PDB file of N, CA and C in Angstrom:
ATOM      1  N   MET A   1       0.841  -1.184   0.000  1.00  0.00           N
ATOM      2  CA  MET A   1       0.000   0.000   0.000  1.00  0.00           C
ATOM      3  C   MET A   1       0.888   1.251   0.000  1.00  0.00           C
ATOM      4  N   MET A   2       0.484   2.254  -0.756  1.00  0.00           N
ATOM      5  CA  MET A   2       1.253   3.495  -0.805  1.00  0.00           C
ATOM      6  C   MET A   2       1.114   4.268   0.496  1.00  0.00           C
ATOM      7  N   GLU A   3       2.135   5.035   0.807  1.00  0.00           N
ATOM      8  CA  GLU A   3       2.109   5.857   2.007  1.00  0.00           C
ATOM      9  C   GLU A   3       1.206   7.069   1.786  1.00  0.00           C
ATOM     10  N   MET A   4       0.509   7.480   2.846  1.00  0.00           N
ATOM     11  CA  MET A   4      -0.402   8.606   2.777  1.00  0.00           C
ATOM     12  C   MET A   4       0.241   9.835   3.414  1.00  0.00           C
ATOM     13  N   TYR A   5      -0.054  11.000   2.834  1.00  0.00           N
ATOM     14  CA  TYR A   5       0.478  12.267   3.309  1.00  0.00           C
ATOM     15  C   TYR A   5      -0.655  13.285   3.451  1.00  0.00           C
ATOM     16  N   TYR A   6      -0.444  14.236   4.344  1.00  0.00           N
ATOM     17  CA  TYR A   6      -1.343  15.383   4.467  1.00  0.00           C
ATOM     18  C   TYR A   6      -0.589  16.604   3.960  1.00  0.00           C
ATOM     19  N   LEU A   7      -1.211  17.376   3.092  1.00  0.00           N
ATOM     20  CA  LEU A   7      -0.619  18.604   2.560  1.00  0.00           C
ATOM     21  C   LEU A   7      -1.469  19.782   3.020  1.00  0.00           C
ATOM     22  N   SER A   8      -0.820  20.803   3.541  1.00  0.00           N
ATOM     23  CA  SER A   8      -1.486  22.011   4.004  1.00  0.00           C
ATOM     24  C   SER A   8      -0.974  23.192   3.186  1.00  0.00           C
ATOM     25  N   PHE A   9      -1.890  24.012   2.677  1.00  0.00           N
ATOM     26  CA  PHE A   9      -1.528  25.102   1.773  1.00  0.00           C
ATOM     27  C   PHE A   9      -1.817  26.459   2.403  1.00  0.00           C
ATOM     28  N   VAL A  10      -0.871  27.388   2.253  1.00  0.00           N
ATOM     29  CA  VAL A  10      -1.054  28.760   2.725  1.00  0.00           C
ATOM     30  C   VAL A  10      -0.684  29.734   1.615  1.00  0.00           C
ATOM     31  N   ASP A  11      -1.324  30.898   1.661  1.00  0.00           N
ATOM     32  CA  ASP A  11      -1.026  31.984   0.744  1.00  0.00           C
ATOM     33  C   ASP A  11      -0.522  33.148   1.582  1.00  0.00           C
ATOM     34  N   GLU A  12       0.776  33.365   1.577  1.00  0.00           N
ATOM     35  CA  GLU A  12       1.404  34.412   2.393  1.00  0.00           C
ATOM     36  C   GLU A  12       0.975  35.819   1.975  1.00  0.00           C
ATOM     37  N   ASN A  13       0.352  35.974   0.814  1.00  0.00           N
ATOM     38  CA  ASN A  13      -0.099  37.282   0.358  1.00  0.00           C
ATOM     39  C   ASN A  13      -1.444  37.682   0.934  1.00  0.00           C
ATOM     40  N   LYS A  14      -2.134  36.756   1.578  1.00  0.00           N
ATOM     41  CA  LYS A  14      -3.422  37.054   2.198  1.00  0.00           C
ATOM     42  C   LYS A  14      -3.195  37.654   3.582  1.00  0.00           C
ATOM     43  N   PRO A  15      -4.197  38.345   4.117  1.00  0.00           N
ATOM     44  CA  PRO A  15      -4.067  38.921   5.462  1.00  0.00           C
ATOM     45  C   PRO A  15      -3.898  37.828   6.522  1.00  0.00           C
ATOM     46  N   GLU A  16      -3.228  38.168   7.602  1.00  0.00           N
ATOM     47  CA  GLU A  16      -3.045  37.226   8.702  1.00  0.00           C
ATOM     48  C   GLU A  16      -4.413  36.739   9.163  1.00  0.00           C
ATOM     49  N   GLY A  17      -4.518  35.459   9.442  1.00  0.00           N
ATOM     50  CA  GLY A  17      -5.779  34.855   9.839  1.00  0.00           C
ATOM     51  C   GLY A  17      -6.564  34.299   8.662  1.00  0.00           C
ATOM     52  N   GLU A  18      -6.160  34.626   7.445  1.00  0.00           N
ATOM     53  CA  GLU A  18      -6.831  34.144   6.236  1.00  0.00           C
ATOM     54  C   GLU A  18      -5.858  33.424   5.307  1.00  0.00           C
ATOM     55  N   ARG A  19      -4.666  33.142   5.777  1.00  0.00           N
ATOM     56  CA  ARG A  19      -3.614  32.589   4.909  1.00  0.00           C
ATOM     57  C   ARG A  19      -3.785  31.118   4.587  1.00  0.00           C
ATOM     58  N   TRP A  20      -4.397  30.358   5.493  1.00  0.00           N
ATOM     59  CA  TRP A  20      -4.587  28.932   5.221  1.00  0.00           C
ATOM     60  C   TRP A  20      -5.663  28.804   4.158  1.00  0.00           C
ATOM     61  N   ILE A  21      -5.351  28.125   3.044  1.00  0.00           N
ATOM     62  CA  ILE A  21      -6.299  28.031   1.937  1.00  0.00           C
ATOM     63  C   ILE A  21      -6.802  26.605   1.704  1.00  0.00           C
ATOM     64  N   GLY A  22      -6.423  25.682   2.569  1.00  0.00           N
ATOM     65  CA  GLY A  22      -6.960  24.334   2.492  1.00  0.00           C
ATOM     66  C   GLY A  22      -5.901  23.276   2.681  1.00  0.00           C
ATOM     67  N   GLY A  23      -6.364  22.052   2.706  1.00  0.00           N
ATOM     68  CA  GLY A  23      -5.480  20.909   2.856  1.00  0.00           C
ATOM     69  C   GLY A  23      -6.024  19.733   2.079  1.00  0.00           C
ATOM     70  N   CYS A  24      -5.184  18.735   1.884  1.00  0.00           N
ATOM     71  CA  CYS A  24      -5.641  17.524   1.205  1.00  0.00           C
ATOM     72  C   CYS A  24      -4.808  16.339   1.659  1.00  0.00           C
ATOM     73  N   TYR A  25      -5.399  15.173   1.506  1.00  0.00           N
ATOM     74  CA  TYR A  25      -4.719  13.913   1.751  1.00  0.00           C
ATOM     75  C   TYR A  25      -4.382  13.306   0.398  1.00  0.00           C
ATOM     76  N   CYS A  26      -3.125  12.927   0.212  1.00  0.00           N
ATOM     77  CA  CYS A  26      -2.657  12.331  -1.044  1.00  0.00           C
ATOM     78  C   CYS A  26      -1.713  11.178  -0.734  1.00  0.00           C
ATOM     79  N   TYR A  27      -1.557  10.306  -1.708  1.00  0.00           N
ATOM     80  CA  TYR A  27      -0.610   9.209  -1.587  1.00  0.00           C
ATOM     81  C   TYR A  27       0.736   9.596  -2.177  1.00  0.00           C
ATOM     82  N   GLY A  28       1.806   8.930  -1.709  1.00  0.00           N
ATOM     83  CA  GLY A  28       3.144   9.129  -2.216  1.00  0.00           C
ATOM     84  C   GLY A  28       3.384   8.265  -3.420  1.00  0.00           C
ATOM     85  N   PRO A  29       4.573   8.199  -3.945  1.00  0.00           N
ATOM     86  CA  PRO A  29       5.815   8.682  -3.354  1.00  0.00           C
ATOM     87  C   PRO A  29       6.046  10.179  -3.545  1.00  0.00           C
ATOM     88  N   ASP A  30       5.293  10.839  -4.411  1.00  0.00           N
ATOM     89  CA  ASP A  30       5.442  12.288  -4.617  1.00  0.00           C
ATOM     90  C   ASP A  30       4.082  12.938  -4.398  1.00  0.00           C
ATOM     91  N   PRO A  31       3.728  13.219  -3.131  1.00  0.00           N
ATOM     92  CA  PRO A  31       2.381  13.717  -2.852  1.00  0.00           C
ATOM     93  C   PRO A  31       2.079  15.079  -3.481  1.00  0.00           C
ATOM     94  N   VAL A  32       3.086  15.932  -3.653  1.00  0.00           N
ATOM     95  CA  VAL A  32       2.839  17.239  -4.275  1.00  0.00           C
ATOM     96  C   VAL A  32       2.462  17.055  -5.738  1.00  0.00           C
ATOM     97  N   ALA A  33       3.183  16.210  -6.450  1.00  0.00           N
ATOM     98  CA  ALA A  33       2.837  15.934  -7.845  1.00  0.00           C
ATOM     99  C   ALA A  33       1.458  15.294  -7.937  1.00  0.00           C
ATOM    100  N   ASN A  34       1.150  14.399  -7.010  1.00  0.00           N
ATOM    101  CA  ASN A  34      -0.172  13.769  -7.005  1.00  0.00           C
ATOM    102  C   ASN A  34      -1.270  14.798  -6.756  1.00  0.00           C
ATOM    103  N   ALA A  35      -1.007  15.768  -5.869  1.00  0.00           N
ATOM    104  CA  ALA A  35      -1.990  16.820  -5.591  1.00  0.00           C
ATOM    105  C   ALA A  35      -2.222  17.684  -6.824  1.00  0.00           C
ATOM    106  N   TRP A  36      -1.148  18.018  -7.547  1.00  0.00           N
ATOM    107  CA  TRP A  36      -1.296  18.785  -8.794  1.00  0.00           C
ATOM    108  C   TRP A  36      -2.120  17.999  -9.796  1.00  0.00           C
ATOM    109  N   GLU A  37      -1.776  16.722  -9.956  1.00  0.00           N
ATOM    110  CA  GLU A  37      -2.465  15.877 -10.933  1.00  0.00           C
ATOM    111  C   GLU A  37      -3.950  15.726 -10.590  1.00  0.00           C
ATOM    112  N   ALA A  38      -4.258  15.610  -9.304  1.00  0.00           N
ATOM    113  CA  ALA A  38      -5.646  15.436  -8.872  1.00  0.00           C
ATOM    114  C   ALA A  38      -6.426  16.754  -8.875  1.00  0.00           C
ATOM    115  N   GLY A  39      -5.715  17.874  -8.982  1.00  0.00           N
ATOM    116  CA  GLY A  39      -6.379  19.174  -8.993  1.00  0.00           C
ATOM    117  C   GLY A  39      -6.709  19.713  -7.616  1.00  0.00           C
ATOM    118  N   CYS A  40      -6.064  19.180  -6.577  1.00  0.00           N
ATOM    119  CA  CYS A  40      -6.353  19.653  -5.225  1.00  0.00           C
ATOM    120  C   CYS A  40      -5.247  20.535  -4.659  1.00  0.00           C
ATOM    121  N   ASN A  41      -4.297  20.955  -5.487  1.00  0.00           N
ATOM    122  CA  ASN A  41      -3.240  21.868  -5.045  1.00  0.00           C
ATOM    123  C   ASN A  41      -3.621  23.271  -5.515  1.00  0.00           C
ATOM    124  N   PRO A  42      -4.015  24.162  -4.574  1.00  0.00           N
ATOM    125  CA  PRO A  42      -4.448  25.500  -4.962  1.00  0.00           C
ATOM    126  C   PRO A  42      -3.302  26.483  -5.177  1.00  0.00           C
ATOM    127  N   GLY A  43      -2.066  26.013  -5.016  1.00  0.00           N
ATOM    128  CA  GLY A  43      -0.911  26.902  -5.118  1.00  0.00           C
ATOM    129  C   GLY A  43      -0.510  27.391  -3.742  1.00  0.00           C
ATOM    130  N   GLY A  44       0.311  28.401  -3.707  1.00  0.00           N
ATOM    131  CA  GLY A  44       0.823  28.896  -2.437  1.00  0.00           C
ATOM    132  C   GLY A  44       1.929  28.001  -1.916  1.00  0.00           C
ATOM    133  N   GLU A  45       2.242  28.190  -0.652  1.00  0.00           N
ATOM    134  CA  GLU A  45       3.264  27.358  -0.017  1.00  0.00           C
ATOM    135  C   GLU A  45       2.618  26.102   0.534  1.00  0.00           C
ATOM    136  N   VAL A  46       3.382  25.010   0.542  1.00  0.00           N
ATOM    137  CA  VAL A  46       2.838  23.742   1.013  1.00  0.00           C
ATOM    138  C   VAL A  46       3.702  23.182   2.127  1.00  0.00           C
ATOM    139  N   MET A  47       3.034  22.621   3.143  1.00  0.00           N
ATOM    140  CA  MET A  47       3.698  21.874   4.200  1.00  0.00           C
ATOM    141  C   MET A  47       3.227  20.432   4.051  1.00  0.00           C
ATOM    142  N   ILE A  48       4.182  19.520   4.032  1.00  0.00           N
ATOM    143  CA  ILE A  48       3.868  18.110   3.866  1.00  0.00           C
ATOM    144  C   ILE A  48       4.081  17.401   5.194  1.00  0.00           C
ATOM    145  N   VAL A  49       3.080  16.641   5.626  1.00  0.00           N
ATOM    146  CA  VAL A  49       3.169  15.844   6.846  1.00  0.00           C
ATOM    147  C   VAL A  49       3.050  14.380   6.447  1.00  0.00           C
ATOM    148  N   GLY A  50       4.030  13.598   6.865  1.00  0.00           N
ATOM    149  CA  GLY A  50       3.924  12.186   6.579  1.00  0.00           C
ATOM    150  C   GLY A  50       5.236  11.568   6.196  1.00  0.00           C
ATOM    151  N   PRO A  51       5.181  10.304   5.920  1.00  0.00           N
ATOM    152  CA  PRO A  51       3.960   9.525   5.800  1.00  0.00           C
ATOM    153  C   PRO A  51       3.234   9.397   7.136  1.00  0.00           C
ATOM    154  N   ILE A  52       1.909   9.369   7.061  1.00  0.00           N
ATOM    155  CA  ILE A  52       1.101   9.306   8.270  1.00  0.00           C
ATOM    156  C   ILE A  52       0.480   7.925   8.412  1.00  0.00           C
ATOM    157  N   GLU A  53       0.310   7.529   9.661  1.00  0.00           N
ATOM    158  CA  GLU A  53      -0.245   6.218   9.980  1.00  0.00           C
ATOM    159  C   GLU A  53      -1.233   6.379  11.123  1.00  0.00           C
ATOM    160  N   GLY A  54      -2.019   5.359  11.374  1.00  0.00           N
ATOM    161  CA  GLY A  54      -2.918   5.352  12.512  1.00  0.00           C
ATOM    162  C   GLY A  54      -4.338   5.778  12.185  1.00  0.00           C
ATOM    163  N   PHE A  55      -4.567   6.212  10.954  1.00  0.00           N
ATOM    164  CA  PHE A  55      -5.922   6.503  10.523  1.00  0.00           C
ATOM    165  C   PHE A  55      -6.021   6.358   9.015  1.00  0.00           C
ATOM    166  N   SER A  56      -7.231   6.248   8.552  1.00  0.00           N
ATOM    167  CA  SER A  56      -7.478   6.209   7.112  1.00  0.00           C
ATOM    168  C   SER A  56      -8.418   7.357   6.763  1.00  0.00           C
ATOM    169  N   VAL A  57      -8.563   7.609   5.475  1.00  0.00           N
ATOM    170  CA  VAL A  57      -9.402   8.695   4.988  1.00  0.00           C
ATOM    171  C   VAL A  57     -10.657   8.082   4.371  1.00  0.00           C
ATOM    172  N   LYS A  58     -11.801   8.633   4.751  1.00  0.00           N
ATOM    173  CA  LYS A  58     -13.084   8.147   4.239  1.00  0.00           C
ATOM    174  C   LYS A  58     -13.171   8.328   2.724  1.00  0.00           C
ATOM    175  N   ASP A  59     -14.003   7.498   2.103  1.00  0.00           N
ATOM    176  CA  ASP A  59     -14.267   7.624   0.672  1.00  0.00           C
ATOM    177  C   ASP A  59     -14.776   9.028   0.366  1.00  0.00           C
ATOM    178  N   GLY A  60     -14.272   9.593  -0.708  1.00  0.00           N
ATOM    179  CA  GLY A  60     -14.703  10.916  -1.139  1.00  0.00           C
ATOM    180  C   GLY A  60     -13.895  12.069  -0.571  1.00  0.00           C
ATOM    181  N   PHE A  61     -12.951  11.775   0.335  1.00  0.00           N
ATOM    182  CA  PHE A  61     -12.153  12.831   0.948  1.00  0.00           C
ATOM    183  C   PHE A  61     -10.691  12.809   0.517  1.00  0.00           C
ATOM    184  N   MET A  62     -10.301  11.860  -0.309  1.00  0.00           N
ATOM    185  CA  MET A  62      -8.918  11.736  -0.743  1.00  0.00           C
ATOM    186  C   MET A  62      -8.731  12.502  -2.045  1.00  0.00           C
ATOM    187  N   ASN A  63      -7.595  13.186  -2.163  1.00  0.00           N
ATOM    188  CA  ASN A  63      -7.220  13.892  -3.392  1.00  0.00           C
ATOM    189  C   ASN A  63      -8.184  15.007  -3.773  1.00  0.00           C
ATOM    190  N   ILE A  64      -8.791  15.663  -2.774  1.00  0.00           N
ATOM    191  CA  ILE A  64      -9.599  16.853  -3.026  1.00  0.00           C
ATOM    192  C   ILE A  64      -9.190  17.921  -2.023  1.00  0.00           C
ATOM    193  N   LEU A  65      -9.327  19.182  -2.406  1.00  0.00           N
ATOM    194  CA  LEU A  65      -9.011  20.276  -1.493  1.00  0.00           C
ATOM    195  C   LEU A  65     -10.107  20.361  -0.450  1.00  0.00           C
ATOM    196  N   LEU A  66      -9.710  20.338   0.812  1.00  0.00           N
ATOM    197  CA  LEU A  66     -10.652  20.323   1.921  1.00  0.00           C
ATOM    198  C   LEU A  66     -10.519  21.588   2.764  1.00  0.00           C
ATOM    199  N   ASP A  67     -11.651  22.040   3.301  1.00  0.00           N
ATOM    200  CA  ASP A  67     -11.633  23.118   4.282  1.00  0.00           C
ATOM    201  C   ASP A  67     -11.462  22.489   5.669  1.00  0.00           C
ATOM    202  N   GLU A  68     -11.538  23.282   6.724  1.00  0.00           N
ATOM    203  CA  GLU A  68     -11.300  22.768   8.073  1.00  0.00           C
ATOM    204  C   GLU A  68     -12.291  21.679   8.454  1.00  0.00           C
ATOM    205  N   ASP A  69     -13.567  21.863   8.132  1.00  0.00           N
ATOM    206  CA  ASP A  69     -14.559  20.830   8.435  1.00  0.00           C
ATOM    207  C   ASP A  69     -14.259  19.544   7.679  1.00  0.00           C
ATOM    208  N   GLY A  70     -13.875  19.671   6.419  1.00  0.00           N
ATOM    209  CA  GLY A  70     -13.538  18.494   5.622  1.00  0.00           C
ATOM    210  C   GLY A  70     -12.356  17.737   6.190  1.00  0.00           C
ATOM    211  N   ILE A  71     -11.324  18.484   6.593  1.00  0.00           N
ATOM    212  CA  ILE A  71     -10.146  17.852   7.200  1.00  0.00           C
ATOM    213  C   ILE A  71     -10.543  17.089   8.451  1.00  0.00           C
ATOM    214  N   ASN A  72     -11.365  17.715   9.297  1.00  0.00           N
ATOM    215  CA  ASN A  72     -11.757  17.097  10.560  1.00  0.00           C
ATOM    216  C   ASN A  72     -12.700  15.900  10.379  1.00  0.00           C
ATOM    217  N   ASN A  73     -13.485  15.900   9.305  1.00  0.00           N
ATOM    218  CA  ASN A  73     -14.456  14.824   9.076  1.00  0.00           C
ATOM    219  C   ASN A  73     -13.925  13.730   8.158  1.00  0.00           C
ATOM    220  N   ALA A  74     -12.755  13.903   7.612  1.00  0.00           N
ATOM    221  CA  ALA A  74     -12.230  12.962   6.615  1.00  0.00           C
ATOM    222  C   ALA A  74     -11.631  11.703   7.202  1.00  0.00           C
ATOM    223  N   VAL A  75     -11.235  11.735   8.453  1.00  0.00           N
ATOM    224  CA  VAL A  75     -10.433  10.634   8.974  1.00  0.00           C
ATOM    225  C   VAL A  75     -11.232   9.631   9.797  1.00  0.00           C
ATOM    226  N   VAL A  76     -10.736   8.396   9.768  1.00  0.00           N
ATOM    227  CA  VAL A  76     -11.239   7.318  10.590  1.00  0.00           C
ATOM    228  C   VAL A  76     -10.053   6.803  11.394  1.00  0.00           C
ATOM    229  N   LEU A  77     -10.129   6.928  12.710  1.00  0.00           N
ATOM    230  CA  LEU A  77      -9.030   6.464  13.566  1.00  0.00           C
ATOM    231  C   LEU A  77      -9.031   4.952  13.656  1.00  0.00           C
ATOM    232  N   HIS A  78      -7.822   4.382  13.754  1.00  0.00           N
ATOM    233  CA  HIS A  78      -7.692   2.918  13.899  1.00  0.00           C
ATOM    234  C   HIS A  78      -7.353   2.570  15.314  1.00  0.00           C
TER     235      HIS A  78
END
């Protein structure tokens, strides 16, 4: 199984408090390229977390740009 990563995107040109523009869960080995290919990379700066373990992502929440509610509702803990 491929390793899973969480990507968080910020736009430093936005006002403080509005810089976070979303996040997504993608598989490796190159999660940034996968995010571009899937269309869930909105640009800006990216922070990559992973590979991550201990939870899975529900159907419909992988490889899409998510807001805070989506990020919080996407995971299933093991």
